[in-house]
Amino acid sequence: MGRIVAMALGTVAAAFVLFNFILPMVTMLFKVALVIGVIALVVFIAVRVISGSPSR
């Protein structure tokens, strides 16, 4: 009986950690990666446009 209670408490604690710590960190990491990717894309397009213009 004690093992079942401990397993239930462990499951609840694992769900608490997952939903309160792990998932918000993963979503924040995804948002940061998305912002960095968009900035890199804008810089890439700007460099392509500037270097593609004839300077002769």
PDB file of N, CA and C in Angstrom:
ATOM      1  N   MET A   1       0.833  -1.196   0.000  1.00  0.00           N
ATOM      2  CA  MET A   1       0.000   0.000   0.000  1.00  0.00           C
ATOM      3  C   MET A   1       0.872   1.252   0.000  1.00  0.00           C
ATOM      4  N   GLY A   2       1.978   1.197   0.754  1.00  0.00           N
ATOM      5  CA  GLY A   2       2.866   2.353   0.811  1.00  0.00           C
ATOM      6  C   GLY A   2       3.537   2.630  -0.526  1.00  0.00           C
ATOM      7  N   ARG A   3       3.832   1.557  -1.277  1.00  0.00           N
ATOM      8  CA  ARG A   3       4.452   1.750  -2.588  1.00  0.00           C
ATOM      9  C   ARG A   3       3.496   2.421  -3.547  1.00  0.00           C
ATOM     10  N   ILE A   4       2.211   2.077  -3.461  1.00  0.00           N
ATOM     11  CA  ILE A   4       1.214   2.682  -4.350  1.00  0.00           C
ATOM     12  C   ILE A   4       1.055   4.159  -4.030  1.00  0.00           C
ATOM     13  N   VAL A   5       1.011   4.497  -2.751  1.00  0.00           N
ATOM     14  CA  VAL A   5       0.902   5.906  -2.357  1.00  0.00           C
ATOM     15  C   VAL A   5       2.133   6.682  -2.797  1.00  0.00           C
ATOM     16  N   ALA A   6       3.312   6.091  -2.623  1.00  0.00           N
ATOM     17  CA  ALA A   6       4.545   6.759  -3.038  1.00  0.00           C
ATOM     18  C   ALA A   6       4.580   6.938  -4.553  1.00  0.00           C
ATOM     19  N   MET A   7       4.112   5.943  -5.281  1.00  0.00           N
ATOM     20  CA  MET A   7       4.086   6.058  -6.736  1.00  0.00           C
ATOM     21  C   MET A   7       3.101   7.140  -7.178  1.00  0.00           C
ATOM     22  N   ALA A   8       1.960   7.230  -6.522  1.00  0.00           N
ATOM     23  CA  ALA A   8       0.979   8.266  -6.855  1.00  0.00           C
ATOM     24  C   ALA A   8       1.536   9.644  -6.543  1.00  0.00           C
ATOM     25  N   LEU A   9       2.181   9.796  -5.399  1.00  0.00           N
ATOM     26  CA  LEU A   9       2.777  11.091  -5.058  1.00  0.00           C
ATOM     27  C   LEU A   9       3.914  11.441  -6.013  1.00  0.00           C
ATOM     28  N   GLY A  10       4.688  10.470  -6.415  1.00  0.00           N
ATOM     29  CA  GLY A  10       5.760  10.710  -7.380  1.00  0.00           C
ATOM     30  C   GLY A  10       5.223  11.132  -8.728  1.00  0.00           C
ATOM     31  N   THR A  11       4.125  10.519  -9.141  1.00  0.00           N
ATOM     32  CA  THR A  11       3.502  10.886 -10.409  1.00  0.00           C
ATOM     33  C   THR A  11       2.972  12.309 -10.358  1.00  0.00           C
ATOM     34  N   VAL A  12       2.334  12.668  -9.258  1.00  0.00           N
ATOM     35  CA  VAL A  12       1.827  14.029  -9.098  1.00  0.00           C
ATOM     36  C   VAL A  12       2.976  15.032  -9.068  1.00  0.00           C
ATOM     37  N   ALA A  13       4.053  14.694  -8.371  1.00  0.00           N
ATOM     38  CA  ALA A  13       5.213  15.594  -8.319  1.00  0.00           C
ATOM     39  C   ALA A  13       5.858  15.734  -9.693  1.00  0.00           C
ATOM     40  N   ALA A  14       5.947  14.635 -10.440  1.00  0.00           N
ATOM     41  CA  ALA A  14       6.526  14.702 -11.784  1.00  0.00           C
ATOM     42  C   ALA A  14       5.662  15.550 -12.712  1.00  0.00           C
ATOM     43  N   ALA A  15       4.348  15.407 -12.614  1.00  0.00           N
ATOM     44  CA  ALA A  15       3.455  16.231 -13.437  1.00  0.00           C
ATOM     45  C   ALA A  15       3.582  17.701 -13.065  1.00  0.00           C
ATOM     46  N   PHE A  16       3.720  17.991 -11.762  1.00  0.00           N
ATOM     47  CA  PHE A  16       3.894  19.371 -11.308  1.00  0.00           C
ATOM     48  C   PHE A  16       5.162  19.978 -11.885  1.00  0.00           C
ATOM     49  N   VAL A  17       6.256  19.236 -11.820  1.00  0.00           N
ATOM     50  CA  VAL A  17       7.528  19.734 -12.353  1.00  0.00           C
ATOM     51  C   VAL A  17       7.437  19.905 -13.859  1.00  0.00           C
ATOM     52  N   LEU A  18       6.803  18.963 -14.537  1.00  0.00           N
ATOM     53  CA  LEU A  18       6.684  19.038 -15.989  1.00  0.00           C
ATOM     54  C   LEU A  18       5.916  20.272 -16.424  1.00  0.00           C
ATOM     55  N   PHE A  19       4.748  20.489 -15.835  1.00  0.00           N
ATOM     56  CA  PHE A  19       3.889  21.571 -16.301  1.00  0.00           C
ATOM     57  C   PHE A  19       4.288  22.937 -15.753  1.00  0.00           C
ATOM     58  N   ASN A  20       5.021  23.001 -14.651  1.00  0.00           N
ATOM     59  CA  ASN A  20       5.375  24.299 -14.083  1.00  0.00           C
ATOM     60  C   ASN A  20       6.801  24.740 -14.388  1.00  0.00           C
ATOM     61  N   PHE A  21       7.675  23.813 -14.765  1.00  0.00           N
ATOM     62  CA  PHE A  21       9.067  24.185 -15.009  1.00  0.00           C
ATOM     63  C   PHE A  21       9.541  23.818 -16.412  1.00  0.00           C
ATOM     64  N   ILE A  22       9.322  22.575 -16.826  1.00  0.00           N
ATOM     65  CA  ILE A  22       9.907  22.087 -18.074  1.00  0.00           C
ATOM     66  C   ILE A  22       9.206  22.698 -19.293  1.00  0.00           C
ATOM     67  N   LEU A  23       7.897  22.611 -19.360  1.00  0.00           N
ATOM     68  CA  LEU A  23       7.182  23.120 -20.535  1.00  0.00           C
ATOM     69  C   LEU A  23       7.341  24.629 -20.722  1.00  0.00           C
ATOM     70  N   PRO A  24       7.263  25.459 -19.672  1.00  0.00           N
ATOM     71  CA  PRO A  24       7.521  26.883 -19.896  1.00  0.00           C
ATOM     72  C   PRO A  24       8.942  27.171 -20.377  1.00  0.00           C
ATOM     73  N   MET A  25       9.927  26.414 -19.892  1.00  0.00           N
ATOM     74  CA  MET A  25      11.293  26.622 -20.367  1.00  0.00           C
ATOM     75  C   MET A  25      11.418  26.240 -21.836  1.00  0.00           C
ATOM     76  N   VAL A  26      10.775  25.153 -22.242  1.00  0.00           N
ATOM     77  CA  VAL A  26      10.851  24.722 -23.634  1.00  0.00           C
ATOM     78  C   VAL A  26      10.161  25.737 -24.545  1.00  0.00           C
ATOM     79  N   THR A  27       9.004  26.245 -24.134  1.00  0.00           N
ATOM     80  CA  THR A  27       8.323  27.232 -24.967  1.00  0.00           C
ATOM     81  C   THR A  27       9.113  28.534 -25.035  1.00  0.00           C
ATOM     82  N   MET A  28       9.735  28.947 -23.939  1.00  0.00           N
ATOM     83  CA  MET A  28      10.555  30.157 -23.969  1.00  0.00           C
ATOM     84  C   MET A  28      11.764  29.957 -24.874  1.00  0.00           C
ATOM     85  N   LEU A  29      12.383  28.786 -24.816  1.00  0.00           N
ATOM     86  CA  LEU A  29      13.518  28.481 -25.689  1.00  0.00           C
ATOM     87  C   LEU A  29      13.082  28.514 -27.147  1.00  0.00           C
ATOM     88  N   PHE A  30      11.896  27.984 -27.449  1.00  0.00           N
ATOM     89  CA  PHE A  30      11.380  28.006 -28.816  1.00  0.00           C
ATOM     90  C   PHE A  30      11.134  29.439 -29.279  1.00  0.00           C
ATOM     91  N   LYS A  31      10.579  30.276 -28.405  1.00  0.00           N
ATOM     92  CA  LYS A  31      10.339  31.671 -28.768  1.00  0.00           C
ATOM     93  C   LYS A  31      11.641  32.407 -29.039  1.00  0.00           C
ATOM     94  N   VAL A  32      12.650  32.176 -28.198  1.00  0.00           N
ATOM     95  CA  VAL A  32      13.951  32.824 -28.394  1.00  0.00           C
ATOM     96  C   VAL A  32      14.570  32.365 -29.707  1.00  0.00           C
ATOM     97  N   ALA A  33      14.503  31.072 -30.000  1.00  0.00           N
ATOM     98  CA  ALA A  33      15.052  30.554 -31.253  1.00  0.00           C
ATOM     99  C   ALA A  33      14.307  31.129 -32.452  1.00  0.00           C
ATOM    100  N   LEU A  34      13.004  31.298 -32.326  1.00  0.00           N
ATOM    101  CA  LEU A  34      12.211  31.870 -33.412  1.00  0.00           C
ATOM    102  C   LEU A  34      12.590  33.326 -33.658  1.00  0.00           C
ATOM    103  N   VAL A  35      12.761  34.100 -32.592  1.00  0.00           N
ATOM    104  CA  VAL A  35      13.150  35.502 -32.739  1.00  0.00           C
ATOM    105  C   VAL A  35      14.536  35.605 -33.366  1.00  0.00           C
ATOM    106  N   ILE A  36      15.486  34.787 -32.907  1.00  0.00           N
ATOM    107  CA  ILE A  36      16.832  34.808 -33.479  1.00  0.00           C
ATOM    108  C   ILE A  36      16.782  34.409 -34.951  1.00  0.00           C
ATOM    109  N   GLY A  37      15.965  33.444 -35.298  1.00  0.00           N
ATOM    110  CA  GLY A  37      15.824  33.031 -36.694  1.00  0.00           C
ATOM    111  C   GLY A  37      15.248  34.122 -37.566  1.00  0.00           C
ATOM    112  N   VAL A  38      14.257  34.845 -37.072  1.00  0.00           N
ATOM    113  CA  VAL A  38      13.660  35.934 -37.841  1.00  0.00           C
ATOM    114  C   VAL A  38      14.680  37.065 -38.032  1.00  0.00           C
ATOM    115  N   ILE A  39      15.421  37.391 -36.987  1.00  0.00           N
ATOM    116  CA  ILE A  39      16.451  38.433 -37.108  1.00  0.00           C
ATOM    117  C   ILE A  39      17.517  37.998 -38.114  1.00  0.00           C
ATOM    118  N   ALA A  40      17.936  36.759 -38.063  1.00  0.00           N
ATOM    119  CA  ALA A  40      18.934  36.258 -39.009  1.00  0.00           C
ATOM    120  C   ALA A  40      18.404  36.294 -40.442  1.00  0.00           C
ATOM    121  N   LEU A  41      17.128  35.979 -40.626  1.00  0.00           N
ATOM    122  CA  LEU A  41      16.531  36.036 -41.957  1.00  0.00           C
ATOM    123  C   LEU A  41      16.498  37.464 -42.488  1.00  0.00           C
ATOM    124  N   VAL A  42      16.142  38.423 -41.635  1.00  0.00           N
ATOM    125  CA  VAL A  42      16.116  39.826 -42.056  1.00  0.00           C
ATOM    126  C   VAL A  42      17.517  40.300 -42.432  1.00  0.00           C
ATOM    127  N   VAL A  43      18.511  39.943 -41.633  1.00  0.00           N
ATOM    128  CA  VAL A  43      19.891  40.332 -41.943  1.00  0.00           C
ATOM    129  C   VAL A  43      20.337  39.682 -43.243  1.00  0.00           C
ATOM    130  N   PHE A  44      20.010  38.405 -43.447  1.00  0.00           N
ATOM    131  CA  PHE A  44      20.381  37.704 -44.670  1.00  0.00           C
ATOM    132  C   PHE A  44      19.763  38.374 -45.891  1.00  0.00           C
ATOM    133  N   ILE A  45      18.475  38.712 -45.807  1.00  0.00           N
ATOM    134  CA  ILE A  45      17.807  39.361 -46.939  1.00  0.00           C
ATOM    135  C   ILE A  45      18.408  40.737 -47.196  1.00  0.00           C
ATOM    136  N   ALA A  46      18.705  41.484 -46.134  1.00  0.00           N
ATOM    137  CA  ALA A  46      19.301  42.809 -46.315  1.00  0.00           C
ATOM    138  C   ALA A  46      20.670  42.711 -46.973  1.00  0.00           C
ATOM    139  N   VAL A  47      21.474  41.761 -46.567  1.00  0.00           N
ATOM    140  CA  VAL A  47      22.804  41.597 -47.172  1.00  0.00           C
ATOM    141  C   VAL A  47      22.676  41.177 -48.626  1.00  0.00           C
ATOM    142  N   ARG A  48      21.726  40.290 -48.934  1.00  0.00           N
ATOM    143  CA  ARG A  48      21.528  39.864 -50.323  1.00  0.00           C
ATOM    144  C   ARG A  48      21.094  41.043 -51.195  1.00  0.00           C
ATOM    145  N   VAL A  49      20.202  41.874 -50.680  1.00  0.00           N
ATOM    146  CA  VAL A  49      19.714  43.016 -51.461  1.00  0.00           C
ATOM    147  C   VAL A  49      20.827  44.036 -51.657  1.00  0.00           C
ATOM    148  N   ILE A  50      21.585  44.319 -50.605  1.00  0.00           N
ATOM    149  CA  ILE A  50      22.652  45.316 -50.700  1.00  0.00           C
ATOM    150  C   ILE A  50      23.779  44.815 -51.609  1.00  0.00           C
ATOM    151  N   SER A  51      24.157  43.544 -51.472  1.00  0.00           N
ATOM    152  CA  SER A  51      25.257  43.030 -52.282  1.00  0.00           C
ATOM    153  C   SER A  51      24.813  42.741 -53.718  1.00  0.00           C
ATOM    154  N   GLY A  52      23.535  42.594 -53.946  1.00  0.00           N
ATOM    155  CA  GLY A  52      23.053  42.315 -55.300  1.00  0.00           C
ATOM    156  C   GLY A  52      22.951  43.552 -56.165  1.00  0.00           C
ATOM    157  N   SER A  53      22.916  44.725 -55.564  1.00  0.00           N
ATOM    158  CA  SER A  53      22.814  45.943 -56.346  1.00  0.00           C
ATOM    159  C   SER A  53      24.142  46.247 -57.024  1.00  0.00           C
ATOM    160  N   PRO A  54      24.115  46.604 -58.300  1.00  0.00           N
ATOM    161  CA  PRO A  54      25.379  46.889 -58.992  1.00  0.00           C
ATOM    162  C   PRO A  54      26.015  48.185 -58.474  1.00  0.00           C
ATOM    163  N   SER A  55      27.297  48.113 -58.174  1.00  0.00           N
ATOM    164  CA  SER A  55      27.970  49.285 -57.648  1.00  0.00           C
ATOM    165  C   SER A  55      28.940  49.868 -58.668  1.00  0.00           C
ATOM    166  N   ARG A  56      28.864  49.414 -59.906  1.00  0.00           N
ATOM    167  CA  ARG A  56      29.796  49.907 -60.938  1.00  0.00           C
ATOM    168  C   ARG A  56      29.292  51.154 -61.589  1.00  0.00           C
TER     169      ARG A  56
END
